[in-house]
N, C-alpha and C. Protein backbone atom coordinates (compact mmCIF):
# COMPACT_ATOMS: atom_id res chain seq x y z
N MET A 1 -31.88 70.60 -15.17
CA MET A 1 -31.88 70.04 -16.49
C MET A 1 -33.22 70.26 -17.18
N ALA A 2 -33.81 71.39 -16.95
CA ALA A 2 -35.09 71.71 -17.56
C ALA A 2 -35.01 73.09 -18.19
N ASP A 3 -35.87 73.30 -19.18
CA ASP A 3 -35.92 74.62 -19.79
C ASP A 3 -36.86 75.52 -18.98
N SER A 4 -37.04 76.73 -19.41
CA SER A 4 -37.85 77.68 -18.64
C SER A 4 -39.32 77.27 -18.55
N ALA A 5 -39.79 76.46 -19.48
CA ALA A 5 -41.18 76.00 -19.46
C ALA A 5 -41.36 74.76 -18.60
N GLY A 6 -40.26 74.22 -18.06
CA GLY A 6 -40.35 73.02 -17.23
C GLY A 6 -40.16 71.72 -17.98
N GLY A 7 -39.82 71.79 -19.25
CA GLY A 7 -39.57 70.58 -20.03
C GLY A 7 -38.22 69.97 -19.69
N ILE A 8 -38.13 68.65 -19.73
CA ILE A 8 -36.89 67.95 -19.41
C ILE A 8 -35.99 67.90 -20.63
N ALA A 9 -34.72 68.17 -20.45
CA ALA A 9 -33.75 68.14 -21.55
C ALA A 9 -33.55 66.70 -22.03
N SER A 10 -33.30 66.52 -23.32
CA SER A 10 -33.11 65.18 -23.86
C SER A 10 -31.87 64.51 -23.28
N GLY A 11 -30.86 65.28 -22.91
CA GLY A 11 -29.67 64.71 -22.28
C GLY A 11 -29.97 64.07 -20.94
N ALA A 12 -30.90 64.67 -20.20
CA ALA A 12 -31.30 64.10 -18.92
C ALA A 12 -32.03 62.77 -19.12
N ILE A 13 -32.83 62.68 -20.15
CA ILE A 13 -33.54 61.43 -20.45
C ILE A 13 -32.54 60.37 -20.90
N SER A 14 -31.56 60.75 -21.71
CA SER A 14 -30.51 59.81 -22.13
C SER A 14 -29.76 59.28 -20.92
N SER A 15 -29.45 60.15 -19.98
CA SER A 15 -28.76 59.73 -18.76
C SER A 15 -29.62 58.78 -17.93
N LEU A 16 -30.92 59.06 -17.84
CA LEU A 16 -31.84 58.17 -17.13
C LEU A 16 -31.84 56.78 -17.78
N ILE A 17 -31.87 56.73 -19.10
CA ILE A 17 -31.84 55.46 -19.82
C ILE A 17 -30.55 54.71 -19.53
N ASP A 18 -29.43 55.41 -19.57
CA ASP A 18 -28.13 54.79 -19.30
C ASP A 18 -28.08 54.23 -17.88
N HIS A 19 -28.57 54.98 -16.91
CA HIS A 19 -28.59 54.50 -15.52
C HIS A 19 -29.49 53.29 -15.36
N ALA A 20 -30.67 53.31 -15.98
CA ALA A 20 -31.58 52.17 -15.88
C ALA A 20 -30.95 50.92 -16.49
N CYS A 21 -30.28 51.08 -17.62
CA CYS A 21 -29.59 49.94 -18.25
C CYS A 21 -28.47 49.42 -17.35
N GLY A 22 -27.72 50.32 -16.75
CA GLY A 22 -26.65 49.92 -15.84
C GLY A 22 -27.17 49.14 -14.65
N ILE A 23 -28.28 49.57 -14.09
CA ILE A 23 -28.88 48.86 -12.96
C ILE A 23 -29.35 47.47 -13.38
N ALA A 24 -29.93 47.36 -14.58
CA ALA A 24 -30.37 46.06 -15.09
C ALA A 24 -29.19 45.11 -15.24
N VAL A 25 -28.08 45.61 -15.75
CA VAL A 25 -26.88 44.78 -15.91
C VAL A 25 -26.32 44.39 -14.55
N MET A 26 -26.21 45.35 -13.64
CA MET A 26 -25.65 45.05 -12.33
C MET A 26 -26.50 44.05 -11.55
N SER A 27 -27.79 44.01 -11.83
CA SER A 27 -28.64 43.03 -11.15
C SER A 27 -28.39 41.61 -11.65
N ARG A 28 -27.78 41.48 -12.82
CA ARG A 28 -27.49 40.16 -13.39
C ARG A 28 -26.07 39.68 -13.14
N LEU A 29 -25.14 40.60 -12.86
CA LEU A 29 -23.73 40.24 -12.72
C LEU A 29 -23.29 40.34 -11.27
N GLU A 30 -22.24 39.60 -10.94
CA GLU A 30 -21.66 39.69 -9.61
C GLU A 30 -20.63 40.82 -9.53
N ARG A 31 -20.10 41.22 -10.67
CA ARG A 31 -19.13 42.32 -10.70
C ARG A 31 -19.85 43.63 -10.47
N VAL A 32 -19.13 44.61 -9.99
CA VAL A 32 -19.75 45.90 -9.76
C VAL A 32 -19.20 46.98 -10.69
N SER A 33 -18.18 46.68 -11.47
CA SER A 33 -17.58 47.67 -12.37
C SER A 33 -18.08 47.42 -13.80
N ILE A 34 -18.86 48.36 -14.33
CA ILE A 34 -19.36 48.25 -15.70
C ILE A 34 -19.20 49.59 -16.40
N SER A 35 -19.29 49.58 -17.71
CA SER A 35 -19.29 50.83 -18.47
C SER A 35 -20.14 50.65 -19.73
N THR A 36 -20.68 51.74 -20.21
CA THR A 36 -21.50 51.72 -21.42
C THR A 36 -20.60 51.85 -22.63
N LEU A 37 -20.66 50.91 -23.54
CA LEU A 37 -19.86 50.97 -24.75
C LEU A 37 -20.62 51.57 -25.92
N ASN A 38 -21.89 51.23 -26.04
CA ASN A 38 -22.69 51.72 -27.16
C ASN A 38 -24.13 51.88 -26.70
N LEU A 39 -24.57 53.10 -26.54
CA LEU A 39 -25.94 53.38 -26.14
C LEU A 39 -26.66 53.92 -27.37
N LYS A 40 -27.54 53.11 -27.92
CA LYS A 40 -28.30 53.52 -29.11
C LYS A 40 -29.72 53.84 -28.67
N ILE A 41 -30.15 55.06 -28.93
CA ILE A 41 -31.51 55.48 -28.60
C ILE A 41 -32.23 55.72 -29.92
N ASP A 42 -33.29 54.96 -30.14
CA ASP A 42 -34.01 55.05 -31.41
C ASP A 42 -34.85 56.30 -31.52
N HIS A 43 -35.47 56.73 -30.44
CA HIS A 43 -36.37 57.88 -30.54
C HIS A 43 -36.56 58.49 -29.16
N ILE A 44 -36.45 59.79 -29.09
CA ILE A 44 -36.80 60.50 -27.86
C ILE A 44 -37.85 61.54 -28.21
N ARG A 45 -39.00 61.37 -27.62
CA ARG A 45 -40.04 62.39 -27.71
C ARG A 45 -40.10 63.02 -26.34
N LEU A 46 -39.84 64.30 -26.27
CA LEU A 46 -39.78 64.95 -24.98
C LEU A 46 -41.13 64.93 -24.29
N PRO A 47 -41.14 64.66 -22.99
CA PRO A 47 -42.41 64.63 -22.26
C PRO A 47 -42.98 66.03 -22.10
N THR A 48 -44.24 66.08 -21.75
CA THR A 48 -44.86 67.38 -21.50
C THR A 48 -44.21 68.02 -20.27
N ALA A 49 -44.32 69.31 -20.18
CA ALA A 49 -43.68 70.05 -19.09
C ALA A 49 -44.14 69.54 -17.73
N ARG A 50 -43.18 69.41 -16.84
CA ARG A 50 -43.39 69.04 -15.45
C ARG A 50 -44.02 67.65 -15.24
N SER A 51 -43.92 66.78 -16.23
CA SER A 51 -44.43 65.42 -16.04
C SER A 51 -43.29 64.51 -15.61
N PRO A 52 -43.56 63.53 -14.75
CA PRO A 52 -42.51 62.60 -14.33
C PRO A 52 -42.15 61.65 -15.47
N VAL A 53 -40.93 61.16 -15.45
CA VAL A 53 -40.46 60.21 -16.47
C VAL A 53 -40.03 58.94 -15.75
N THR A 54 -40.52 57.80 -16.24
CA THR A 54 -40.19 56.50 -15.68
C THR A 54 -39.38 55.72 -16.70
N ALA A 55 -38.36 55.01 -16.23
CA ALA A 55 -37.55 54.17 -17.11
C ALA A 55 -37.64 52.72 -16.63
N TRP A 56 -37.64 51.79 -17.57
CA TRP A 56 -37.66 50.37 -17.30
C TRP A 56 -36.61 49.74 -18.21
N ALA A 57 -35.74 48.90 -17.66
CA ALA A 57 -34.70 48.25 -18.46
C ALA A 57 -34.65 46.77 -18.14
N HIS A 58 -34.29 45.98 -19.14
CA HIS A 58 -34.21 44.53 -19.00
C HIS A 58 -32.93 44.04 -19.67
N CYS A 59 -32.10 43.35 -18.93
CA CYS A 59 -30.89 42.75 -19.47
C CYS A 59 -31.29 41.39 -20.03
N TYR A 60 -31.32 41.28 -21.36
CA TYR A 60 -31.85 40.07 -21.98
C TYR A 60 -30.79 39.09 -22.47
N ARG A 61 -29.51 39.49 -22.45
CA ARG A 61 -28.45 38.56 -22.85
C ARG A 61 -27.16 38.93 -22.14
N VAL A 62 -26.49 37.92 -21.61
CA VAL A 62 -25.21 38.11 -20.93
C VAL A 62 -24.20 37.17 -21.57
N SER A 63 -23.07 37.72 -22.01
CA SER A 63 -21.97 36.89 -22.51
C SER A 63 -20.75 37.16 -21.62
N GLU A 64 -19.62 36.58 -21.98
CA GLU A 64 -18.42 36.76 -21.16
C GLU A 64 -17.90 38.20 -21.19
N ILE A 65 -18.09 38.88 -22.32
CA ILE A 65 -17.48 40.21 -22.45
C ILE A 65 -18.49 41.35 -22.57
N MET A 66 -19.76 41.04 -22.78
CA MET A 66 -20.73 42.12 -22.88
C MET A 66 -22.13 41.64 -22.54
N THR A 67 -23.01 42.60 -22.32
CA THR A 67 -24.41 42.32 -22.06
C THR A 67 -25.26 43.12 -23.03
N PHE A 68 -26.50 42.70 -23.19
CA PHE A 68 -27.43 43.40 -24.07
C PHE A 68 -28.67 43.77 -23.25
N VAL A 69 -29.09 45.02 -23.39
CA VAL A 69 -30.17 45.55 -22.56
C VAL A 69 -31.16 46.30 -23.44
N ARG A 70 -32.43 46.18 -23.12
CA ARG A 70 -33.49 47.00 -23.73
C ARG A 70 -34.05 47.91 -22.66
N ALA A 71 -34.41 49.11 -23.06
CA ALA A 71 -35.00 50.04 -22.10
C ALA A 71 -36.18 50.77 -22.74
N LEU A 72 -37.14 51.09 -21.91
CA LEU A 72 -38.29 51.88 -22.32
C LEU A 72 -38.43 53.04 -21.34
N THR A 73 -38.87 54.16 -21.83
CA THR A 73 -39.18 55.29 -20.95
C THR A 73 -40.58 55.77 -21.28
N SER A 74 -41.20 56.38 -20.29
CA SER A 74 -42.53 56.91 -20.48
C SER A 74 -42.74 58.09 -19.54
N SER A 75 -43.55 59.03 -19.99
CA SER A 75 -43.87 60.14 -19.10
C SER A 75 -45.14 59.84 -18.31
N LEU A 76 -45.67 58.65 -18.47
CA LEU A 76 -46.80 58.18 -17.68
C LEU A 76 -46.33 56.98 -16.89
N PHE A 77 -46.91 56.76 -15.73
CA PHE A 77 -46.53 55.57 -14.96
C PHE A 77 -47.00 54.35 -15.72
N PHE A 78 -46.08 53.40 -15.89
CA PHE A 78 -46.41 52.18 -16.61
C PHE A 78 -45.57 51.04 -16.09
N HIS A 79 -46.00 49.84 -16.35
CA HIS A 79 -45.21 48.64 -16.09
C HIS A 79 -45.32 47.79 -17.33
N PRO A 80 -44.21 47.57 -18.06
CA PRO A 80 -44.27 46.91 -19.38
C PRO A 80 -44.57 45.42 -19.33
N CYS A 81 -44.59 44.79 -18.18
CA CYS A 81 -44.82 43.34 -18.13
C CYS A 81 -46.29 43.01 -18.13
């Protein structure tokens, strides 16, 4: 999922965000079957070539039929707390 220069494709970053959000939701629920209904990404700035990408997600609201999650990604190691 990289171009010839070693840059990561935006689709791969979107997938990483989706997976991080799913893990955040699964950590809050007892059910194991979930699906993404609406993944809104405000901005993707592609990382520099061959740099690692870290994702952090937080499930901030749980209702009976849906959950709400925020996610951040960075090409530098970070901890948002």
